[in-house]
C-alpha atoms as a PDB file:
ATOM      1  CA  UNK A   1      -0.163   0.171   0.034  1.00  0.00           C
ATOM      2  CA  UNK A   2       1.214   3.683  -0.798  1.00  0.00           C
ATOM      3  CA  UNK A   3       2.522   5.873   1.737  1.00  0.00           C
ATOM      4  CA  UNK A   4       0.698   8.531   0.760  1.00  0.00           C
ATOM      5  CA  UNK A   5      -2.442   9.740   3.185  1.00  0.00           C
ATOM      6  CA  UNK A   6      -4.530  10.405   0.296  1.00  0.00           C
ATOM      7  CA  UNK A   7      -4.476   7.303  -1.586  1.00  0.00           C
ATOM      8  CA  UNK A   8      -4.568   5.490   1.928  1.00  0.00           C
ATOM      9  CA  UNK A   9      -8.136   7.450   2.301  1.00  0.00           C
ATOM     10  CA  UNK A  10      -9.215   6.630  -1.156  1.00  0.00           C
ATOM     11  CA  UNK A  11      -8.100   2.803  -0.928  1.00  0.00           C
ATOM     12  CA  UNK A  12     -10.898   2.857   2.819  1.00  0.00           C
ATOM     13  CA  UNK A  13     -13.818   4.668   1.357  1.00  0.00           C
ATOM     14  CA  UNK A  14     -13.396   2.763  -1.728  1.00  0.00           C
ATOM     15  CA  UNK A  15     -14.362  -0.712   0.622  1.00  0.00           C
ATOM     16  CA  UNK A  16     -16.965   0.876   1.343  1.00  0.00           C
ATOM     17  CA  UNK A  17     -18.448   1.428  -1.714  1.00  0.00           C
ATOM     18  CA  UNK A  18     -17.575  -2.454  -2.176  1.00  0.00           C
ATOM     19  CA  UNK A  19     -18.993  -3.277   0.959  1.00  0.00           C
ATOM     20  CA  UNK A  20     -21.567  -2.034   0.764  1.00  0.00           C
ATOM     21  CA  UNK A  21     -22.330  -2.576  -3.235  1.00  0.00           C
ATOM     22  CA  UNK A  22     -21.678  -6.191  -1.368  1.00  0.00           C
ATOM     23  CA  UNK A  23     -24.807  -6.445   0.873  1.00  0.00           C
ATOM     24  CA  UNK A  24     -26.666  -4.785  -1.358  1.00  0.00           C
ATOM     25  CA  UNK A  25     -26.535  -7.728  -3.913  1.00  0.00           C
ATOM     26  CA  UNK A  26     -26.857  -9.986  -0.515  1.00  0.00           C
ATOM     27  CA  UNK A  27     -30.352  -8.162   0.177  1.00  0.00           C
ATOM     28  CA  UNK A  28     -31.925  -9.342  -3.641  1.00  0.00           C
ATOM     29  CA  UNK A  29     -33.023 -12.437  -3.850  1.00  0.00           C
ATOM     30  CA  UNK A  30     -32.250 -14.545  -7.071  1.00  0.00           C
ATOM     31  CA  UNK A  31     -35.897 -14.591  -8.227  1.00  0.00           C
ATOM     32  CA  UNK A  32     -35.223 -10.938  -8.435  1.00  0.00           C
ATOM     33  CA  UNK A  33     -32.145 -10.338  -9.271  1.00  0.00           C
ATOM     34  CA  UNK A  34     -33.026 -10.058 -13.688  1.00  0.00           C
ATOM     35  CA  UNK A  35     -36.398  -8.095 -12.935  1.00  0.00           C
ATOM     36  CA  UNK A  36     -36.895  -4.784 -13.068  1.00  0.00           C
ATOM     37  CA  UNK A  37     -39.417  -2.012 -15.106  1.00  0.00           C
ATOM     38  CA  UNK A  38     -37.694   0.237 -16.687  1.00  0.00           C
ATOM     39  CA  UNK A  39     -34.599  -2.010 -17.797  1.00  0.00           C
ATOM     40  CA  UNK A  40     -31.774   0.619 -15.734  1.00  0.00           C
ATOM     41  CA  UNK A  41     -33.934  -0.731 -12.255  1.00  0.00           C
ATOM     42  CA  UNK A  42     -32.782  -4.498 -12.875  1.00  0.00           C
ATOM     43  CA  UNK A  43     -30.701  -4.699 -10.322  1.00  0.00           C
ATOM     44  CA  UNK A  44     -27.553  -6.860 -12.446  1.00  0.00           C
ATOM     45  CA  UNK A  45     -27.680  -3.654 -13.972  1.00  0.00           C
ATOM     46  CA  UNK A  46     -27.132  -0.870 -11.387  1.00  0.00           C
ATOM     47  CA  UNK A  47     -24.019  -2.986 -10.195  1.00  0.00           C
ATOM     48  CA  UNK A  48     -22.688  -4.192 -13.011  1.00  0.00           C
ATOM     49  CA  UNK A  49     -22.773  -1.111 -14.266  1.00  0.00           C
ATOM     50  CA  UNK A  50     -21.081   0.288 -10.744  1.00  0.00           C
ATOM     51  CA  UNK A  51     -18.023  -2.027 -10.918  1.00  0.00           C
ATOM     52  CA  UNK A  52     -17.967  -2.138 -14.637  1.00  0.00           C
ATOM     53  CA  UNK A  53     -17.422   2.113 -14.808  1.00  0.00           C
ATOM     54  CA  UNK A  54     -14.857   1.625 -12.113  1.00  0.00           C
ATOM     55  CA  UNK A  55     -12.747  -0.675 -13.771  1.00  0.00           C
ATOM     56  CA  UNK A  56     -13.189   2.086 -17.399  1.00  0.00           C
ATOM     57  CA  UNK A  57     -12.403   4.581 -14.614  1.00  0.00           C
ATOM     58  CA  UNK A  58      -9.353   3.345 -13.289  1.00  0.00           C
ATOM     59  CA  UNK A  59      -6.958   2.522 -15.565  1.00  0.00           C
ATOM     60  CA  UNK A  60      -5.418   4.142 -18.879  1.00  0.00           C
ATOM     61  CA  UNK A  61      -6.938   1.562 -21.273  1.00  0.00           C
ATOM     62  CA  UNK A  62      -9.256   1.566 -23.471  1.00  0.00           C
ATOM     63  CA  UNK A  63     -12.485  -0.069 -22.413  1.00  0.00           C
ATOM     64  CA  UNK A  64     -15.391  -1.269 -23.552  1.00  0.00           C
ATOM     65  CA  UNK A  65     -18.232  -3.200 -21.590  1.00  0.00           C
ATOM     66  CA  UNK A  66     -18.323  -6.313 -23.898  1.00  0.00           C
ATOM     67  CA  UNK A  67     -14.738  -7.321 -22.718  1.00  0.00           C
ATOM     68  CA  UNK A  68     -16.093  -8.624 -19.214  1.00  0.00           C
ATOM     69  CA  UNK A  69     -18.795 -11.257 -20.001  1.00  0.00           C
ATOM     70  CA  UNK A  70     -19.153 -10.677 -23.668  1.00  0.00           C
ATOM     71  CA  UNK A  71     -21.619  -8.647 -24.009  1.00  0.00           C
ATOM     72  CA  UNK A  72     -22.766  -4.800 -22.706  1.00  0.00           C
ATOM     73  CA  UNK A  73     -23.920  -5.670 -19.528  1.00  0.00           C
ATOM     74  CA  UNK A  74     -22.731  -1.949 -17.242  1.00  0.00           C
ATOM     75  CA  UNK A  75     -24.221  -0.294 -20.490  1.00  0.00           C
ATOM     76  CA  UNK A  76     -27.937   1.474 -19.801  1.00  0.00           C
ATOM     77  CA  UNK A  77     -28.603   2.032 -23.426  1.00  0.00           C
ATOM     78  CA  UNK A  78     -27.783  -1.551 -23.987  1.00  0.00           C
ATOM     79  CA  UNK A  79     -31.115  -3.682 -24.896  1.00  0.00           C
ATOM     80  CA  UNK A  80     -29.602  -7.061 -23.411  1.00  0.00           C
ATOM     81  CA  UNK A  81     -32.394  -9.143 -22.586  1.00  0.00           C
ATOM     82  CA  UNK A  82     -31.885  -9.776 -18.954  1.00  0.00           C
ATOM     83  CA  UNK A  83     -31.435 -13.035 -19.050  1.00  0.00           C
ATOM     84  CA  UNK A  84     -28.550 -12.450 -21.009  1.00  0.00           C
ATOM     85  CA  UNK A  85     -27.420 -10.761 -17.387  1.00  0.00           C
ATOM     86  CA  UNK A  86     -24.670 -12.285 -15.289  1.00  0.00           C
ATOM     87  CA  UNK A  87     -26.067 -13.782 -12.159  1.00  0.00           C
ATOM     88  CA  UNK A  88     -24.856 -13.437  -8.680  1.00  0.00           C
ATOM     89  CA  UNK A  89     -22.620 -15.004  -8.307  1.00  0.00           C
ATOM     90  CA  UNK A  90     -20.531 -14.002 -11.138  1.00  0.00           C
ATOM     91  CA  UNK A  91     -21.234 -10.018  -9.940  1.00  0.00           C
ATOM     92  CA  UNK A  92     -19.655 -10.590  -6.740  1.00  0.00           C
ATOM     93  CA  UNK A  93     -16.153 -12.205  -8.897  1.00  0.00           C
ATOM     94  CA  UNK A  94     -16.526  -9.467 -11.071  1.00  0.00           C
ATOM     95  CA  UNK A  95     -17.424  -7.066  -7.208  1.00  0.00           C
ATOM     96  CA  UNK A  96     -14.126  -8.805  -6.168  1.00  0.00           C
ATOM     97  CA  UNK A  97     -12.124  -8.444  -9.330  1.00  0.00           C
ATOM     98  CA  UNK A  98     -12.393  -4.428  -9.581  1.00  0.00           C
ATOM     99  CA  UNK A  99     -11.756  -4.562  -5.427  1.00  0.00           C
ATOM    100  CA  UNK A 100      -8.524  -5.507  -5.958  1.00  0.00           C
ATOM    101  CA  UNK A 101      -7.604  -3.848  -9.075  1.00  0.00           C
ATOM    102  CA  UNK A 102      -8.693  -0.658  -7.424  1.00  0.00           C
ATOM    103  CA  UNK A 103      -6.282  -1.507  -4.914  1.00  0.00           C
ATOM    104  CA  UNK A 104      -3.582  -1.843  -5.867  1.00  0.00           C
ATOM    105  CA  UNK A 105      -3.868   1.693  -9.270  1.00  0.00           C
ATOM    106  CA  UNK A 106      -4.754   3.202  -5.829  1.00  0.00           C
ATOM    107  CA  UNK A 107      -1.885   2.141  -4.112  1.00  0.00           C
ATOM    108  CA  UNK A 108       0.364   3.135  -6.270  1.00  0.00           C
ATOM    109  CA  UNK A 109      -0.391   6.614  -5.829  1.00  0.00           C
ATOM    110  CA  UNK A 110       1.481   9.142  -4.261  1.00  0.00           C
ATOM    111  CA  UNK A 111       0.627  12.454  -2.991  1.00  0.00           C
ATOM    112  CA  UNK A 112       1.509  13.853  -6.150  1.00  0.00           C
ATOM    113  CA  UNK A 113       0.573  11.200  -8.940  1.00  0.00           C
ATOM    114  CA  UNK A 114      -2.748  12.172  -7.269  1.00  0.00           C
ATOM    115  CA  UNK A 115      -2.442  15.788  -7.339  1.00  0.00           C
ATOM    116  CA  UNK A 116      -1.345  15.664 -10.905  1.00  0.00           C
ATOM    117  CA  UNK A 117      -3.445  15.653 -14.634  1.00  0.00           C
ATOM    118  CA  UNK A 118      -4.414  13.476 -15.842  1.00  0.00           C
ATOM    119  CA  UNK A 119      -5.254  13.324 -20.694  1.00  0.00           C
ATOM    120  CA  UNK A 120      -7.362  10.470 -20.185  1.00  0.00           C
ATOM    121  CA  UNK A 121     -11.456  11.491 -19.212  1.00  0.00           C
ATOM    122  CA  UNK A 122     -11.363  14.724 -18.811  1.00  0.00           C
ATOM    123  CA  UNK A 123     -15.068  15.227 -18.291  1.00  0.00           C
ATOM    124  CA  UNK A 124     -14.606  13.385 -14.068  1.00  0.00           C
ATOM    125  CA  UNK A 125     -12.202  16.247 -14.034  1.00  0.00           C
ATOM    126  CA  UNK A 126      -8.506  18.380 -14.112  1.00  0.00           C
ATOM    127  CA  UNK A 127      -6.444  15.692 -12.153  1.00  0.00           C
ATOM    128  CA  UNK A 128      -5.767  12.121 -10.822  1.00  0.00           C
ATOM    129  CA  UNK A 129      -7.728  13.289  -7.417  1.00  0.00           C
ATOM    130  CA  UNK A 130     -10.946  14.144  -9.131  1.00  0.00           C
ATOM    131  CA  UNK A 131     -11.419  11.403 -11.792  1.00  0.00           C
ATOM    132  CA  UNK A 132     -11.294   9.203  -8.253  1.00  0.00           C
ATOM    133  CA  UNK A 133     -13.333  11.849  -6.005  1.00  0.00           C
ATOM    134  CA  UNK A 134     -15.922  10.959  -9.742  1.00  0.00           C
ATOM    135  CA  UNK A 135     -15.640   7.045  -9.616  1.00  0.00           C
ATOM    136  CA  UNK A 136     -16.375   7.476  -6.036  1.00  0.00           C
ATOM    137  CA  UNK A 137     -19.299   9.751  -6.065  1.00  0.00           C
ATOM    138  CA  UNK A 138     -20.870   7.303  -8.923  1.00  0.00           C
ATOM    139  CA  UNK A 139     -20.257   4.548  -7.283  1.00  0.00           C
ATOM    140  CA  UNK A 140     -22.460   6.389  -4.369  1.00  0.00           C
ATOM    141  CA  UNK A 141     -25.378   7.032  -6.934  1.00  0.00           C
ATOM    142  CA  UNK A 142     -26.310   4.356  -8.123  1.00  0.00           C
ATOM    143  CA  UNK A 143     -25.535   2.348  -5.133  1.00  0.00           C
ATOM    144  CA  UNK A 144     -28.884   4.008  -4.037  1.00  0.00           C
ATOM    145  CA  UNK A 145     -30.375   3.878  -6.624  1.00  0.00           C
ATOM    146  CA  UNK A 146     -30.533   0.411  -6.036  1.00  0.00           C
ATOM    147  CA  UNK A 147     -30.648   1.119  -2.262  1.00  0.00           C
ATOM    148  CA  UNK A 148     -33.672   2.599  -3.509  1.00  0.00           C
ATOM    149  CA  UNK A 149     -35.194  -0.073  -5.799  1.00  0.00           C
ATOM    150  CA  UNK A 150     -34.200  -2.603  -2.793  1.00  0.00           C
ATOM    151  CA  UNK A 151     -36.247  -0.468  -0.727  1.00  0.00           C
ATOM    152  CA  UNK A 152     -39.426   0.033  -3.896  1.00  0.00           C
ATOM    153  CA  UNK A 153     -39.703  -4.084  -3.100  1.00  0.00           C
ATOM    154  CA  UNK A 154     -40.381  -4.095   0.107  1.00  0.00           C
ATOM    155  CA  UNK A 155     -36.299  -5.629   0.268  1.00  0.00           C
ATOM    156  CA  UNK A 156     -33.290  -4.803   3.254  1.00  0.00           C
ATOM    157  CA  UNK A 157     -31.918  -1.687   1.533  1.00  0.00           C
ATOM    158  CA  UNK A 158     -27.624  -2.389   2.167  1.00  0.00           C
ATOM    159  CA  UNK A 159     -26.613   0.216   5.051  1.00  0.00           C
ATOM    160  CA  UNK A 160     -24.811   3.452   4.654  1.00  0.00           C
ATOM    161  CA  UNK A 161     -20.395   2.432   5.412  1.00  0.00           C
END
């Protein structure tokens, strides 16, 4: 882990995001995991979009939604049938992989790197720190939407961490 206080803090915040998402996934029964109307409310779409966005932003490579499962699972504009979306176990494996990836990526970031200009994903901000804050905000937004959907279905939302 980096000796950067900023990086350490960001890593701890992402741990909270991942734990909260894991809880939300666990609170959704299998029979409801791939159901919802409109399609963006389907819990698996929310979870995969959130995880996939972190994958996209936590790196410098070109990202494509279909790289992960051979289909655009995290793309809300997709007309992919819900039945073709990943199950909870696949989604949790994806979460675990991106959790480790994010920790490694952030762990390599010094304060100087975090405060330096970033050239890709300019819409997230001018510096790497702004990109990471954007990633956290985006993740919390979709986790909140997933919690709202769980609540709407009469299910327990994930606890705030």
